């Protein structure tokens, strides 16, 4: 075989010893942490050879795992669109409906959200929770309105419910619905805990500082 042919073979092979990933996988015990890591990365990027998978971080291969602070402005906009797709799915929309409504190409959503989706009876569903980082506004006790990065949909959903109750409390003057947040905190991406502002007077002060009051929707996790 010529040197050129050898180079071409190596180019399309999974590694120098194994042409295909399945050959590598079946060659021995693959239960080690290293092997599980390579297998996970291969699922994310099935066309990459072994040498590239060794060096790659999972977050490099799965855009949904990238930290919010590492994203470019365009990537942040894309992340928010993908989160909207997830929200629509969790509300009962099909993936076709969810992507059409948000203007996200179907295959882009499949690729971006692949580990947050599963198929049931031929229909794509969103997993109940996820660990995608998202940036959200928050009314923090004694600090007013701040912006925080949360690390999962459970916290995002809690903040969404909080703002729905804030809106009701501001409209009705009854702050009793906010008492459920009295002993709760949100932990941001840096590990810092934030208490919910539940004092009606303080909430009015925060709202009065805004030119246009926000209309808060419940975030379905």
N, C-alpha and C. Protein backbone atom coordinates (compact mmCIF):
# COMPACT_ATOMS: atom_id res chain seq x y z
N UNK A 1 0.85 -1.20 0.00
CA UNK A 1 0.00 0.00 0.00
C UNK A 1 0.89 1.24 0.00
N UNK A 2 0.57 2.23 -0.82
CA UNK A 2 1.37 3.44 -0.92
C UNK A 2 1.24 4.27 0.35
N UNK A 3 2.21 5.19 0.56
CA UNK A 3 2.15 6.09 1.71
C UNK A 3 0.89 6.93 1.67
N UNK A 4 0.49 7.33 0.47
CA UNK A 4 -0.71 8.15 0.32
C UNK A 4 -1.94 7.38 0.76
N UNK A 5 -2.03 6.09 0.34
CA UNK A 5 -3.18 5.26 0.71
C UNK A 5 -3.22 5.04 2.22
N UNK A 6 -2.04 4.84 2.82
CA UNK A 6 -1.97 4.64 4.26
C UNK A 6 -2.47 5.87 5.00
N UNK A 7 -2.08 7.03 4.54
CA UNK A 7 -2.53 8.28 5.17
C UNK A 7 -4.04 8.44 5.04
N UNK A 8 -4.58 8.08 3.88
CA UNK A 8 -6.02 8.20 3.68
C UNK A 8 -6.77 7.25 4.61
N UNK A 9 -6.24 6.02 4.79
CA UNK A 9 -6.88 5.05 5.67
C UNK A 9 -6.88 5.57 7.10
N UNK A 10 -5.73 6.10 7.54
CA UNK A 10 -5.65 6.62 8.90
C UNK A 10 -6.58 7.80 9.11
N UNK A 11 -6.76 8.57 8.05
CA UNK A 11 -7.61 9.74 8.15
C UNK A 11 -9.06 9.35 8.45
N UNK A 12 -9.51 8.22 7.89
CA UNK A 12 -10.90 7.83 8.09
C UNK A 12 -11.05 6.80 9.21
N UNK A 13 -9.93 6.34 9.79
CA UNK A 13 -9.99 5.33 10.83
C UNK A 13 -10.24 5.98 12.19
N UNK A 14 -10.83 5.20 13.10
CA UNK A 14 -11.05 5.69 14.45
C UNK A 14 -9.73 5.88 15.18
N UNK A 15 -8.78 4.98 14.96
CA UNK A 15 -7.45 5.11 15.56
C UNK A 15 -6.45 4.38 14.67
N UNK A 16 -5.19 4.42 15.03
CA UNK A 16 -4.18 3.72 14.24
C UNK A 16 -4.42 2.22 14.21
N UNK A 17 -4.95 1.67 15.31
CA UNK A 17 -5.15 0.22 15.41
C UNK A 17 -6.53 -0.23 14.97
N UNK A 18 -7.51 0.66 15.12
CA UNK A 18 -8.90 0.26 14.86
C UNK A 18 -9.55 1.20 13.87
N UNK A 19 -10.10 0.61 12.82
CA UNK A 19 -10.73 1.43 11.79
C UNK A 19 -12.04 2.04 12.29
N UNK A 20 -12.80 1.27 13.07
CA UNK A 20 -14.11 1.74 13.55
C UNK A 20 -14.14 1.82 15.07
N UNK A 21 -15.01 2.68 15.56
CA UNK A 21 -15.19 2.79 17.01
C UNK A 21 -15.63 1.46 17.61
N UNK A 22 -16.50 0.74 16.91
CA UNK A 22 -16.99 -0.53 17.44
C UNK A 22 -15.86 -1.55 17.57
N UNK A 23 -14.88 -1.48 16.66
CA UNK A 23 -13.72 -2.37 16.77
C UNK A 23 -12.94 -2.05 18.04
N UNK A 24 -12.74 -0.78 18.27
CA UNK A 24 -12.04 -0.34 19.50
C UNK A 24 -12.82 -0.75 20.74
N UNK A 25 -14.14 -0.57 20.69
CA UNK A 25 -14.99 -0.86 21.84
C UNK A 25 -14.97 -2.34 22.18
N UNK A 26 -14.92 -3.19 21.16
CA UNK A 26 -15.00 -4.63 21.38
C UNK A 26 -13.64 -5.29 21.58
N UNK A 27 -12.58 -4.49 21.56
CA UNK A 27 -11.24 -5.06 21.62
C UNK A 27 -10.83 -5.49 23.03
N UNK A 28 -11.56 -5.06 24.04
CA UNK A 28 -11.19 -5.42 25.40
C UNK A 28 -12.17 -4.86 26.40
N UNK A 29 -11.78 -4.86 27.68
CA UNK A 29 -12.62 -4.34 28.75
C UNK A 29 -12.70 -2.83 28.62
N UNK A 30 -13.90 -2.32 28.41
CA UNK A 30 -14.09 -0.88 28.24
C UNK A 30 -14.90 -0.28 29.40
N UNK A 31 -14.70 -0.83 30.60
CA UNK A 31 -15.46 -0.36 31.76
C UNK A 31 -14.72 0.71 32.55
N UNK A 32 -13.50 1.05 32.14
CA UNK A 32 -12.72 2.05 32.86
C UNK A 32 -13.31 3.44 32.69
N UNK A 33 -12.92 4.35 33.56
CA UNK A 33 -13.37 5.74 33.46
C UNK A 33 -12.97 6.34 32.12
N UNK A 34 -11.75 6.04 31.68
CA UNK A 34 -11.26 6.55 30.39
C UNK A 34 -12.14 6.06 29.25
N UNK A 35 -12.45 4.77 29.24
CA UNK A 35 -13.25 4.20 28.16
C UNK A 35 -14.66 4.76 28.16
N UNK A 36 -15.22 4.93 29.35
CA UNK A 36 -16.58 5.51 29.43
C UNK A 36 -16.57 6.95 28.92
N UNK A 37 -15.49 7.67 29.23
CA UNK A 37 -15.38 9.05 28.75
C UNK A 37 -15.30 9.10 27.23
N UNK A 38 -14.49 8.22 26.63
CA UNK A 38 -14.36 8.18 25.17
C UNK A 38 -15.70 7.80 24.53
N UNK A 39 -16.39 6.83 25.14
CA UNK A 39 -17.68 6.39 24.60
C UNK A 39 -18.69 7.52 24.64
N UNK A 40 -18.71 8.27 25.73
CA UNK A 40 -19.64 9.39 25.83
C UNK A 40 -19.33 10.45 24.78
N UNK A 41 -18.05 10.76 24.63
CA UNK A 41 -17.66 11.77 23.64
C UNK A 41 -17.97 11.30 22.22
N UNK A 42 -17.78 10.00 21.98
CA UNK A 42 -18.08 9.46 20.64
C UNK A 42 -19.57 9.61 20.32
N UNK A 43 -20.42 9.43 21.32
CA UNK A 43 -21.86 9.61 21.06
C UNK A 43 -22.16 11.04 20.67
N UNK A 44 -21.40 11.98 21.23
CA UNK A 44 -21.62 13.39 20.91
C UNK A 44 -21.02 13.77 19.57
N UNK A 45 -19.90 13.14 19.22
CA UNK A 45 -19.22 13.48 17.97
C UNK A 45 -18.74 12.20 17.30
N UNK A 46 -19.63 11.46 16.67
CA UNK A 46 -19.30 10.13 16.13
C UNK A 46 -18.31 10.13 14.98
N UNK A 47 -18.00 11.29 14.41
CA UNK A 47 -17.07 11.32 13.28
C UNK A 47 -15.64 11.62 13.70
N UNK A 48 -15.42 11.98 14.96
CA UNK A 48 -14.07 12.33 15.40
C UNK A 48 -13.24 11.08 15.70
N UNK A 49 -11.96 11.10 15.36
CA UNK A 49 -11.08 9.97 15.69
C UNK A 49 -10.71 9.98 17.17
N UNK A 50 -10.14 8.89 17.60
CA UNK A 50 -9.80 8.72 19.02
C UNK A 50 -8.88 9.82 19.54
N UNK A 51 -7.89 10.19 18.77
CA UNK A 51 -6.92 11.18 19.25
C UNK A 51 -7.58 12.53 19.54
N UNK A 52 -8.62 12.86 18.78
CA UNK A 52 -9.33 14.11 19.02
C UNK A 52 -10.27 13.99 20.22
N UNK A 53 -10.87 12.82 20.35
CA UNK A 53 -11.77 12.61 21.49
C UNK A 53 -11.01 12.65 22.81
N UNK A 54 -9.78 12.17 22.81
CA UNK A 54 -8.97 12.20 24.03
C UNK A 54 -8.79 13.63 24.53
N UNK A 55 -8.56 14.53 23.60
CA UNK A 55 -8.25 15.92 23.95
C UNK A 55 -9.48 16.77 24.19
N UNK A 56 -10.60 16.38 23.61
CA UNK A 56 -11.81 17.20 23.68
C UNK A 56 -12.46 17.13 25.06
N UNK A 57 -13.03 18.24 25.48
CA UNK A 57 -13.87 18.26 26.66
C UNK A 57 -15.31 18.00 26.23
N UNK A 58 -16.06 17.40 27.13
CA UNK A 58 -17.46 17.11 26.80
C UNK A 58 -18.20 18.39 26.43
N UNK A 59 -17.91 19.47 27.15
CA UNK A 59 -18.59 20.74 26.88
C UNK A 59 -18.24 21.31 25.51
N UNK A 60 -17.08 20.88 24.95
CA UNK A 60 -16.72 21.32 23.60
C UNK A 60 -17.60 20.62 22.56
N UNK A 61 -18.05 19.42 22.89
CA UNK A 61 -18.81 18.61 21.94
C UNK A 61 -20.31 18.76 22.12
N UNK A 62 -20.74 19.15 23.31
CA UNK A 62 -22.16 19.32 23.60
C UNK A 62 -22.41 20.77 23.97
N UNK A 63 -22.94 21.58 23.04
CA UNK A 63 -23.11 23.01 23.30
C UNK A 63 -24.01 23.31 24.48
N UNK A 64 -24.91 22.39 24.82
CA UNK A 64 -25.82 22.64 25.95
C UNK A 64 -25.10 22.59 27.28
N UNK A 65 -23.88 22.03 27.31
CA UNK A 65 -23.12 21.93 28.55
C UNK A 65 -22.15 23.09 28.76
N UNK A 66 -22.02 23.95 27.79
CA UNK A 66 -21.11 25.08 27.94
C UNK A 66 -21.64 26.05 29.00
N UNK A 67 -20.72 26.59 29.80
CA UNK A 67 -21.11 27.57 30.81
C UNK A 67 -21.61 28.85 30.18
N UNK A 68 -22.60 29.47 30.80
CA UNK A 68 -23.17 30.70 30.25
C UNK A 68 -22.09 31.76 30.03
N UNK A 69 -21.16 31.86 30.98
CA UNK A 69 -20.13 32.90 30.89
C UNK A 69 -19.14 32.70 29.77
N UNK A 70 -19.10 31.51 29.19
CA UNK A 70 -18.17 31.24 28.09
C UNK A 70 -18.80 31.49 26.72
N UNK A 71 -20.09 31.77 26.69
CA UNK A 71 -20.80 31.91 25.42
C UNK A 71 -20.62 33.30 24.82
N UNK A 72 -20.55 33.36 23.51
CA UNK A 72 -20.55 34.64 22.80
C UNK A 72 -21.98 35.18 22.78
N UNK A 73 -22.16 36.45 22.42
CA UNK A 73 -23.53 36.98 22.31
C UNK A 73 -24.43 36.15 21.40
N UNK A 74 -23.92 35.71 20.26
CA UNK A 74 -24.72 34.88 19.35
C UNK A 74 -25.06 33.54 20.00
N UNK A 75 -24.10 32.97 20.72
CA UNK A 75 -24.34 31.68 21.38
C UNK A 75 -25.35 31.83 22.52
N UNK A 76 -25.33 32.95 23.19
CA UNK A 76 -26.32 33.19 24.25
C UNK A 76 -27.72 33.30 23.66
N UNK A 77 -27.83 33.98 22.52
CA UNK A 77 -29.12 34.08 21.85
C UNK A 77 -29.60 32.70 21.41
N UNK A 78 -28.66 31.89 20.89
CA UNK A 78 -29.02 30.52 20.49
C UNK A 78 -29.45 29.71 21.70
N UNK A 79 -28.73 29.83 22.82
CA UNK A 79 -29.09 29.10 24.03
C UNK A 79 -30.51 29.45 24.47
N UNK A 80 -30.84 30.73 24.44
CA UNK A 80 -32.19 31.14 24.86
C UNK A 80 -33.27 30.57 23.94
N UNK A 81 -32.97 30.50 22.63
CA UNK A 81 -33.94 29.91 21.70
C UNK A 81 -34.11 28.42 21.98
N UNK A 82 -33.02 27.73 22.26
CA UNK A 82 -33.10 26.31 22.55
C UNK A 82 -33.85 26.05 23.85
N UNK A 83 -33.68 26.91 24.83
CA UNK A 83 -34.42 26.78 26.08
C UNK A 83 -35.92 27.00 25.85
N UNK A 84 -36.23 27.89 24.92
CA UNK A 84 -37.64 28.11 24.58
C UNK A 84 -38.23 26.87 23.92
N UNK A 85 -37.43 26.20 23.09
CA UNK A 85 -37.88 24.94 22.50
C UNK A 85 -38.18 23.93 23.61
N UNK A 86 -37.30 23.81 24.58
CA UNK A 86 -37.52 22.88 25.69
C UNK A 86 -38.78 23.23 26.46
N UNK A 87 -38.98 24.51 26.72
CA UNK A 87 -40.18 24.94 27.46
C UNK A 87 -41.45 24.56 26.70
N UNK A 88 -41.43 24.78 25.39
CA UNK A 88 -42.60 24.43 24.59
C UNK A 88 -42.85 22.92 24.60
N UNK A 89 -41.78 22.14 24.54
CA UNK A 89 -41.93 20.69 24.61
C UNK A 89 -42.53 20.27 25.94
N UNK A 90 -42.08 20.88 27.01
CA UNK A 90 -42.59 20.52 28.34
C UNK A 90 -44.02 20.97 28.56
N UNK A 91 -44.47 21.88 27.72
CA UNK A 91 -45.88 22.29 27.77
C UNK A 91 -46.76 21.40 26.91
N UNK A 92 -46.13 20.46 26.18
CA UNK A 92 -46.93 19.51 25.40
C UNK A 92 -46.80 19.63 23.90
N UNK A 93 -46.02 20.60 23.42
CA UNK A 93 -45.85 20.75 21.97
C UNK A 93 -44.99 19.61 21.43
N UNK A 94 -45.18 19.30 20.16
CA UNK A 94 -44.28 18.36 19.49
C UNK A 94 -42.99 19.10 19.16
N UNK A 95 -41.94 18.35 18.82
CA UNK A 95 -40.67 19.00 18.48
C UNK A 95 -40.83 19.83 17.22
N UNK A 96 -41.61 19.34 16.26
CA UNK A 96 -41.87 20.14 15.06
C UNK A 96 -42.56 21.45 15.40
N UNK A 97 -43.57 21.38 16.28
CA UNK A 97 -44.29 22.60 16.69
C UNK A 97 -43.39 23.54 17.47
N UNK A 98 -42.58 22.97 18.38
CA UNK A 98 -41.72 23.79 19.24
C UNK A 98 -40.66 24.51 18.43
N UNK A 99 -40.08 23.83 17.44
CA UNK A 99 -39.04 24.47 16.63
C UNK A 99 -39.65 25.48 15.66
N UNK A 100 -40.81 25.15 15.12
CA UNK A 100 -41.46 26.08 14.20
C UNK A 100 -41.85 27.37 14.92
N UNK A 101 -42.35 27.24 16.14
CA UNK A 101 -42.79 28.41 16.89
C UNK A 101 -41.63 29.32 17.27
N UNK A 102 -40.48 28.75 17.52
CA UNK A 102 -39.32 29.54 17.94
C UNK A 102 -38.38 29.89 16.79
N UNK A 103 -38.65 29.36 15.60
CA UNK A 103 -37.81 29.67 14.45
C UNK A 103 -36.48 28.96 14.46
N UNK A 104 -36.39 27.85 15.22
CA UNK A 104 -35.15 27.07 15.30
C UNK A 104 -35.23 25.91 14.32
N UNK A 105 -34.23 25.71 13.48
CA UNK A 105 -34.25 24.54 12.58
C UNK A 105 -34.36 23.24 13.38
N UNK A 106 -35.19 22.34 12.89
CA UNK A 106 -35.47 21.09 13.60
C UNK A 106 -34.19 20.34 13.95
N UNK A 107 -33.30 20.15 12.96
CA UNK A 107 -32.09 19.37 13.19
C UNK A 107 -31.14 20.07 14.15
N UNK A 108 -31.11 21.41 14.12
CA UNK A 108 -30.28 22.15 15.07
C UNK A 108 -30.74 21.88 16.50
N UNK A 109 -32.05 21.87 16.70
CA UNK A 109 -32.58 21.59 18.03
C UNK A 109 -32.27 20.16 18.46
N UNK A 110 -32.38 19.22 17.53
CA UNK A 110 -32.07 17.83 17.83
C UNK A 110 -30.61 17.68 18.27
N UNK A 111 -29.72 18.38 17.58
CA UNK A 111 -28.29 18.29 17.90
C UNK A 111 -27.99 18.97 19.23
N UNK A 112 -28.51 20.16 19.41
CA UNK A 112 -28.21 20.95 20.60
C UNK A 112 -28.79 20.32 21.86
N UNK A 113 -29.99 19.81 21.74
CA UNK A 113 -30.72 19.31 22.91
C UNK A 113 -30.71 17.79 23.02
N UNK A 114 -29.86 17.14 22.27
CA UNK A 114 -29.95 15.68 22.12
C UNK A 114 -30.02 14.94 23.44
N UNK A 115 -29.28 15.37 24.45
CA UNK A 115 -29.28 14.63 25.71
C UNK A 115 -30.37 15.09 26.67
N UNK A 116 -31.17 16.02 26.21
CA UNK A 116 -32.32 16.47 26.99
C UNK A 116 -33.63 16.01 26.36
N UNK A 117 -33.51 15.14 25.35
CA UNK A 117 -34.68 14.63 24.63
C UNK A 117 -34.69 13.10 24.68
N UNK A 118 -35.85 12.54 24.54
CA UNK A 118 -35.98 11.09 24.37
C UNK A 118 -37.22 10.84 23.51
N UNK A 119 -37.28 9.66 22.93
CA UNK A 119 -38.38 9.35 22.03
C UNK A 119 -39.34 8.38 22.71
N UNK A 120 -40.61 8.71 22.65
CA UNK A 120 -41.65 7.86 23.23
C UNK A 120 -42.77 7.71 22.21
N UNK A 121 -43.02 6.47 21.80
CA UNK A 121 -44.05 6.18 20.80
C UNK A 121 -43.88 7.02 19.55
N UNK A 122 -42.62 7.16 19.12
CA UNK A 122 -42.33 7.89 17.89
C UNK A 122 -42.35 9.40 18.01
N UNK A 123 -42.50 9.90 19.23
CA UNK A 123 -42.61 11.35 19.44
C UNK A 123 -41.49 11.82 20.37
N UNK A 124 -40.81 12.90 19.97
CA UNK A 124 -39.75 13.45 20.80
C UNK A 124 -40.32 14.16 22.01
N UNK A 125 -39.75 13.84 23.18
CA UNK A 125 -40.18 14.44 24.43
C UNK A 125 -38.98 15.09 25.11
N UNK A 126 -39.25 16.10 25.94
CA UNK A 126 -38.18 16.72 26.73
C UNK A 126 -38.09 16.03 28.08
N UNK A 127 -36.87 15.79 28.53
CA UNK A 127 -36.71 15.25 29.87
C UNK A 127 -37.24 16.27 30.88
N UNK A 128 -37.68 15.76 32.02
CA UNK A 128 -38.39 16.61 32.98
C UNK A 128 -37.51 17.75 33.49
N UNK A 129 -36.23 17.51 33.66
CA UNK A 129 -35.31 18.54 34.12
C UNK A 129 -34.05 18.52 33.26
N UNK A 130 -33.27 19.58 33.38
CA UNK A 130 -31.99 19.64 32.67
C UNK A 130 -30.99 20.42 33.50
N UNK A 131 -29.73 20.39 33.06
CA UNK A 131 -28.68 21.12 33.76
C UNK A 131 -28.03 22.15 32.83
N UNK A 132 -28.84 22.74 31.98
CA UNK A 132 -28.35 23.79 31.08
C UNK A 132 -28.32 25.12 31.84
N UNK A 133 -27.19 25.80 31.79
CA UNK A 133 -27.09 27.09 32.48
C UNK A 133 -27.89 28.14 31.73
N UNK A 134 -28.58 28.98 32.49
CA UNK A 134 -29.31 30.11 31.90
C UNK A 134 -29.21 31.32 32.81
N UNK A 135 -29.30 32.50 32.19
CA UNK A 135 -29.16 33.79 32.88
C UNK A 135 -30.56 34.35 33.13
N UNK A 136 -30.84 34.73 34.38
CA UNK A 136 -32.18 35.15 34.73
C UNK A 136 -32.14 36.36 35.67
N UNK A 137 -33.17 37.18 35.59
CA UNK A 137 -33.35 38.24 36.57
C UNK A 137 -33.87 37.64 37.88
N UNK A 138 -33.58 38.34 38.98
CA UNK A 138 -33.96 37.82 40.29
C UNK A 138 -34.11 38.99 41.25
N UNK A 139 -35.12 38.93 42.12
CA UNK A 139 -35.29 39.94 43.16
C UNK A 139 -34.71 39.36 44.44
N UNK A 140 -33.52 39.86 44.81
CA UNK A 140 -32.80 39.31 45.95
C UNK A 140 -33.08 40.12 47.21
N UNK A 141 -33.22 39.44 48.32
CA UNK A 141 -33.50 40.07 49.61
C UNK A 141 -32.45 41.14 49.91
N UNK A 142 -32.91 42.39 50.06
CA UNK A 142 -32.04 43.49 50.42
C UNK A 142 -31.15 44.01 49.33
N UNK A 143 -31.21 43.42 48.12
CA UNK A 143 -30.32 43.83 47.03
C UNK A 143 -31.07 44.38 45.83
N UNK A 144 -32.36 44.19 45.81
CA UNK A 144 -33.13 44.63 44.65
C UNK A 144 -33.03 43.66 43.50
N UNK A 145 -33.16 44.18 42.29
CA UNK A 145 -33.11 43.32 41.11
C UNK A 145 -31.67 43.04 40.72
N UNK A 146 -31.35 41.77 40.57
CA UNK A 146 -30.02 41.37 40.12
C UNK A 146 -30.18 40.35 39.00
N UNK A 147 -29.09 40.04 38.33
CA UNK A 147 -29.09 39.00 37.30
C UNK A 147 -28.17 37.88 37.78
N UNK A 148 -28.65 36.65 37.69
CA UNK A 148 -27.85 35.51 38.13
C UNK A 148 -27.87 34.42 37.07
N UNK A 149 -26.86 33.58 37.11
CA UNK A 149 -26.82 32.41 36.23
C UNK A 149 -27.15 31.19 37.07
N UNK A 150 -28.22 30.51 36.71
CA UNK A 150 -28.61 29.29 37.43
C UNK A 150 -28.16 28.09 36.62
N UNK A 151 -28.03 26.96 37.31
CA UNK A 151 -27.38 25.80 36.70
C UNK A 151 -28.34 24.69 36.30
N UNK A 152 -29.63 24.89 36.50
CA UNK A 152 -30.57 23.82 36.17
C UNK A 152 -31.97 24.36 36.00
N UNK A 153 -32.81 23.55 35.38
CA UNK A 153 -34.18 23.98 35.09
C UNK A 153 -35.05 24.01 36.35
N UNK A 154 -34.69 23.23 37.36
CA UNK A 154 -35.46 23.23 38.61
C UNK A 154 -35.41 24.60 39.26
N UNK A 155 -34.21 25.20 39.34
CA UNK A 155 -34.09 26.54 39.91
C UNK A 155 -34.76 27.57 39.02
N UNK A 156 -34.62 27.40 37.70
CA UNK A 156 -35.25 28.34 36.77
C UNK A 156 -36.77 28.31 36.93
N UNK A 157 -37.32 27.13 37.11
CA UNK A 157 -38.76 26.99 37.30
C UNK A 157 -39.21 27.65 38.60
N UNK A 158 -38.40 27.49 39.65
CA UNK A 158 -38.74 28.11 40.94
C UNK A 158 -38.76 29.63 40.82
N UNK A 159 -37.77 30.18 40.10
CA UNK A 159 -37.74 31.63 39.89
C UNK A 159 -38.94 32.08 39.07
N UNK A 160 -39.31 31.30 38.07
CA UNK A 160 -40.48 31.64 37.27
C UNK A 160 -41.74 31.66 38.11
N UNK A 161 -41.91 30.66 38.97
CA UNK A 161 -43.07 30.62 39.85
C UNK A 161 -43.06 31.79 40.83
N UNK A 162 -41.87 32.12 41.31
CA UNK A 162 -41.73 33.26 42.23
C UNK A 162 -42.22 34.55 41.57
N UNK A 163 -41.81 34.79 40.33
CA UNK A 163 -42.22 36.02 39.67
C UNK A 163 -43.72 36.04 39.38
N UNK A 164 -44.29 34.88 39.12
CA UNK A 164 -45.75 34.83 38.95
C UNK A 164 -46.44 35.23 40.25
N UNK A 165 -45.93 34.76 41.38
CA UNK A 165 -46.51 35.11 42.67
C UNK A 165 -46.23 36.56 43.04
N UNK A 166 -45.07 37.06 42.62
CA UNK A 166 -44.77 38.49 42.84
C UNK A 166 -45.78 39.35 42.11
N UNK A 167 -46.06 38.98 40.87
CA UNK A 167 -47.03 39.75 40.08
C UNK A 167 -48.40 39.74 40.74
N UNK A 168 -48.83 38.58 41.21
CA UNK A 168 -50.12 38.48 41.89
C UNK A 168 -50.14 39.30 43.17
N UNK A 169 -49.03 39.25 43.92
CA UNK A 169 -48.97 40.00 45.18
C UNK A 169 -49.00 41.50 44.93
N UNK A 170 -48.30 41.95 43.92
CA UNK A 170 -48.29 43.38 43.60
C UNK A 170 -49.67 43.86 43.14
N UNK A 171 -50.35 43.01 42.38
CA UNK A 171 -51.67 43.39 41.87
C UNK A 171 -52.74 43.37 42.96
N UNK A 172 -52.64 42.40 43.87
CA UNK A 172 -53.69 42.21 44.87
C UNK A 172 -53.38 42.87 46.21
N UNK A 173 -52.10 43.14 46.46
CA UNK A 173 -51.71 43.67 47.76
C UNK A 173 -51.61 42.61 48.83
N UNK A 174 -51.78 41.36 48.45
CA UNK A 174 -51.73 40.24 49.40
C UNK A 174 -50.41 39.49 49.18
N UNK A 175 -49.54 39.54 50.17
CA UNK A 175 -48.23 38.91 50.04
C UNK A 175 -48.18 37.50 50.61
N UNK A 176 -49.31 36.94 50.97
CA UNK A 176 -49.32 35.61 51.60
C UNK A 176 -48.77 34.54 50.66
N UNK A 177 -48.99 34.70 49.35
CA UNK A 177 -48.50 33.68 48.40
C UNK A 177 -46.98 33.65 48.32
N UNK A 178 -46.32 34.70 48.83
CA UNK A 178 -44.87 34.77 48.78
C UNK A 178 -44.21 34.08 49.96
N UNK A 179 -45.00 33.72 50.97
CA UNK A 179 -44.42 33.15 52.18
C UNK A 179 -43.75 31.80 51.92
N UNK A 180 -44.17 31.12 50.85
CA UNK A 180 -43.55 29.82 50.54
C UNK A 180 -42.07 29.96 50.17
N UNK A 181 -41.66 31.20 49.83
CA UNK A 181 -40.27 31.44 49.45
C UNK A 181 -39.41 31.94 50.62
N UNK A 182 -40.00 32.04 51.80
CA UNK A 182 -39.33 32.66 52.94
C UNK A 182 -38.02 31.98 53.29
N UNK A 183 -37.99 30.68 53.31
CA UNK A 183 -36.80 29.94 53.70
C UNK A 183 -36.08 29.29 52.53
N UNK A 184 -36.41 29.73 51.33
CA UNK A 184 -35.77 29.16 50.14
C UNK A 184 -34.66 30.07 49.63
N UNK A 185 -33.68 29.48 49.01
CA UNK A 185 -32.60 30.23 48.37
C UNK A 185 -32.32 29.65 46.99
N UNK A 186 -31.69 30.45 46.17
CA UNK A 186 -31.21 30.00 44.87
C UNK A 186 -29.69 30.07 44.89
N UNK A 187 -29.05 29.00 44.48
CA UNK A 187 -27.59 28.97 44.40
C UNK A 187 -27.17 29.20 42.95
N UNK A 188 -26.36 30.24 42.74
CA UNK A 188 -25.96 30.56 41.37
C UNK A 188 -24.76 29.71 40.94
N UNK A 189 -24.29 29.93 39.73
CA UNK A 189 -23.24 29.11 39.15
C UNK A 189 -21.93 29.19 39.92
N UNK A 190 -21.72 30.27 40.65
CA UNK A 190 -20.50 30.42 41.44
C UNK A 190 -20.62 29.85 42.83
N UNK A 191 -21.81 29.31 43.16
CA UNK A 191 -22.03 28.73 44.48
C UNK A 191 -22.59 29.69 45.50
N UNK A 192 -22.88 30.92 45.11
CA UNK A 192 -23.42 31.91 46.03
C UNK A 192 -24.93 31.74 46.16
N UNK A 193 -25.41 31.81 47.41
CA UNK A 193 -26.84 31.66 47.68
C UNK A 193 -27.52 33.02 47.71
N UNK A 194 -28.75 33.06 47.18
CA UNK A 194 -29.52 34.30 47.14
C UNK A 194 -30.91 34.05 47.74
N UNK A 195 -31.30 34.91 48.66
CA UNK A 195 -32.62 34.82 49.26
C UNK A 195 -33.64 35.56 48.40
N UNK A 196 -34.86 35.06 48.39
CA UNK A 196 -35.95 35.72 47.66
C UNK A 196 -36.43 36.94 48.43
N UNK A 197 -36.63 38.03 47.71
CA UNK A 197 -37.26 39.21 48.33
C UNK A 197 -38.77 38.98 48.38
N UNK A 198 -39.35 38.97 49.58
CA UNK A 198 -40.78 38.69 49.71
C UNK A 198 -41.52 39.83 50.41
N UNK A 199 -40.83 40.91 50.75
CA UNK A 199 -41.49 42.03 51.42
C UNK A 199 -42.18 42.89 50.37
N UNK A 200 -43.46 43.05 50.51
CA UNK A 200 -44.26 43.74 49.50
C UNK A 200 -43.79 45.17 49.28
N UNK A 201 -43.42 45.84 50.34
CA UNK A 201 -42.95 47.22 50.22
C UNK A 201 -41.69 47.28 49.36
N UNK A 202 -40.78 46.36 49.60
CA UNK A 202 -39.54 46.33 48.83
C UNK A 202 -39.80 45.97 47.37
N UNK A 203 -40.74 45.07 47.14
CA UNK A 203 -41.08 44.69 45.77
C UNK A 203 -41.66 45.87 45.00
N UNK A 204 -42.51 46.66 45.67
CA UNK A 204 -43.04 47.87 45.03
C UNK A 204 -41.91 48.84 44.70
N UNK A 205 -40.95 48.96 45.60
CA UNK A 205 -39.81 49.86 45.36
C UNK A 205 -39.02 49.41 44.13
N UNK A 206 -38.82 48.11 44.01
CA UNK A 206 -38.09 47.58 42.85
C UNK A 206 -38.86 47.88 41.57
N UNK A 207 -40.16 47.61 41.59
CA UNK A 207 -40.98 47.84 40.40
C UNK A 207 -41.05 49.32 40.04
N UNK A 208 -41.11 50.18 41.05
CA UNK A 208 -41.22 51.61 40.80
C UNK A 208 -39.97 52.19 40.13
N UNK A 209 -38.85 51.49 40.30
CA UNK A 209 -37.61 51.97 39.69
C UNK A 209 -37.55 51.64 38.19
N UNK A 210 -38.43 50.78 37.75
CA UNK A 210 -38.43 50.39 36.35
C UNK A 210 -39.26 51.36 35.52
N UNK A 211 -38.81 51.60 34.30
CA UNK A 211 -39.58 52.45 33.40
C UNK A 211 -40.84 51.72 32.95
N UNK A 212 -40.68 50.41 32.65
CA UNK A 212 -41.81 49.59 32.23
C UNK A 212 -41.83 48.34 33.08
N UNK A 213 -42.88 48.11 33.87
CA UNK A 213 -42.95 46.90 34.69
C UNK A 213 -42.88 45.64 33.83
N UNK A 214 -42.16 44.65 34.34
CA UNK A 214 -42.04 43.39 33.63
C UNK A 214 -43.32 42.57 33.74
N UNK A 215 -43.59 41.79 32.72
CA UNK A 215 -44.67 40.82 32.77
C UNK A 215 -44.00 39.46 32.88
N UNK A 216 -44.08 38.87 34.09
CA UNK A 216 -43.36 37.63 34.36
C UNK A 216 -44.25 36.42 34.06
N UNK A 217 -43.69 35.47 33.33
CA UNK A 217 -44.40 34.22 33.03
C UNK A 217 -43.79 33.09 33.85
N UNK A 218 -44.61 32.12 34.16
CA UNK A 218 -44.09 30.95 34.87
C UNK A 218 -43.14 30.20 33.95
N UNK A 219 -41.95 29.90 34.45
CA UNK A 219 -40.98 29.12 33.67
C UNK A 219 -41.24 27.66 33.94
N UNK A 220 -41.70 26.95 32.91
CA UNK A 220 -41.95 25.52 33.06
C UNK A 220 -40.63 24.80 32.95
N UNK A 221 -40.24 24.04 34.00
CA UNK A 221 -38.88 23.48 34.04
C UNK A 221 -38.66 22.40 32.99
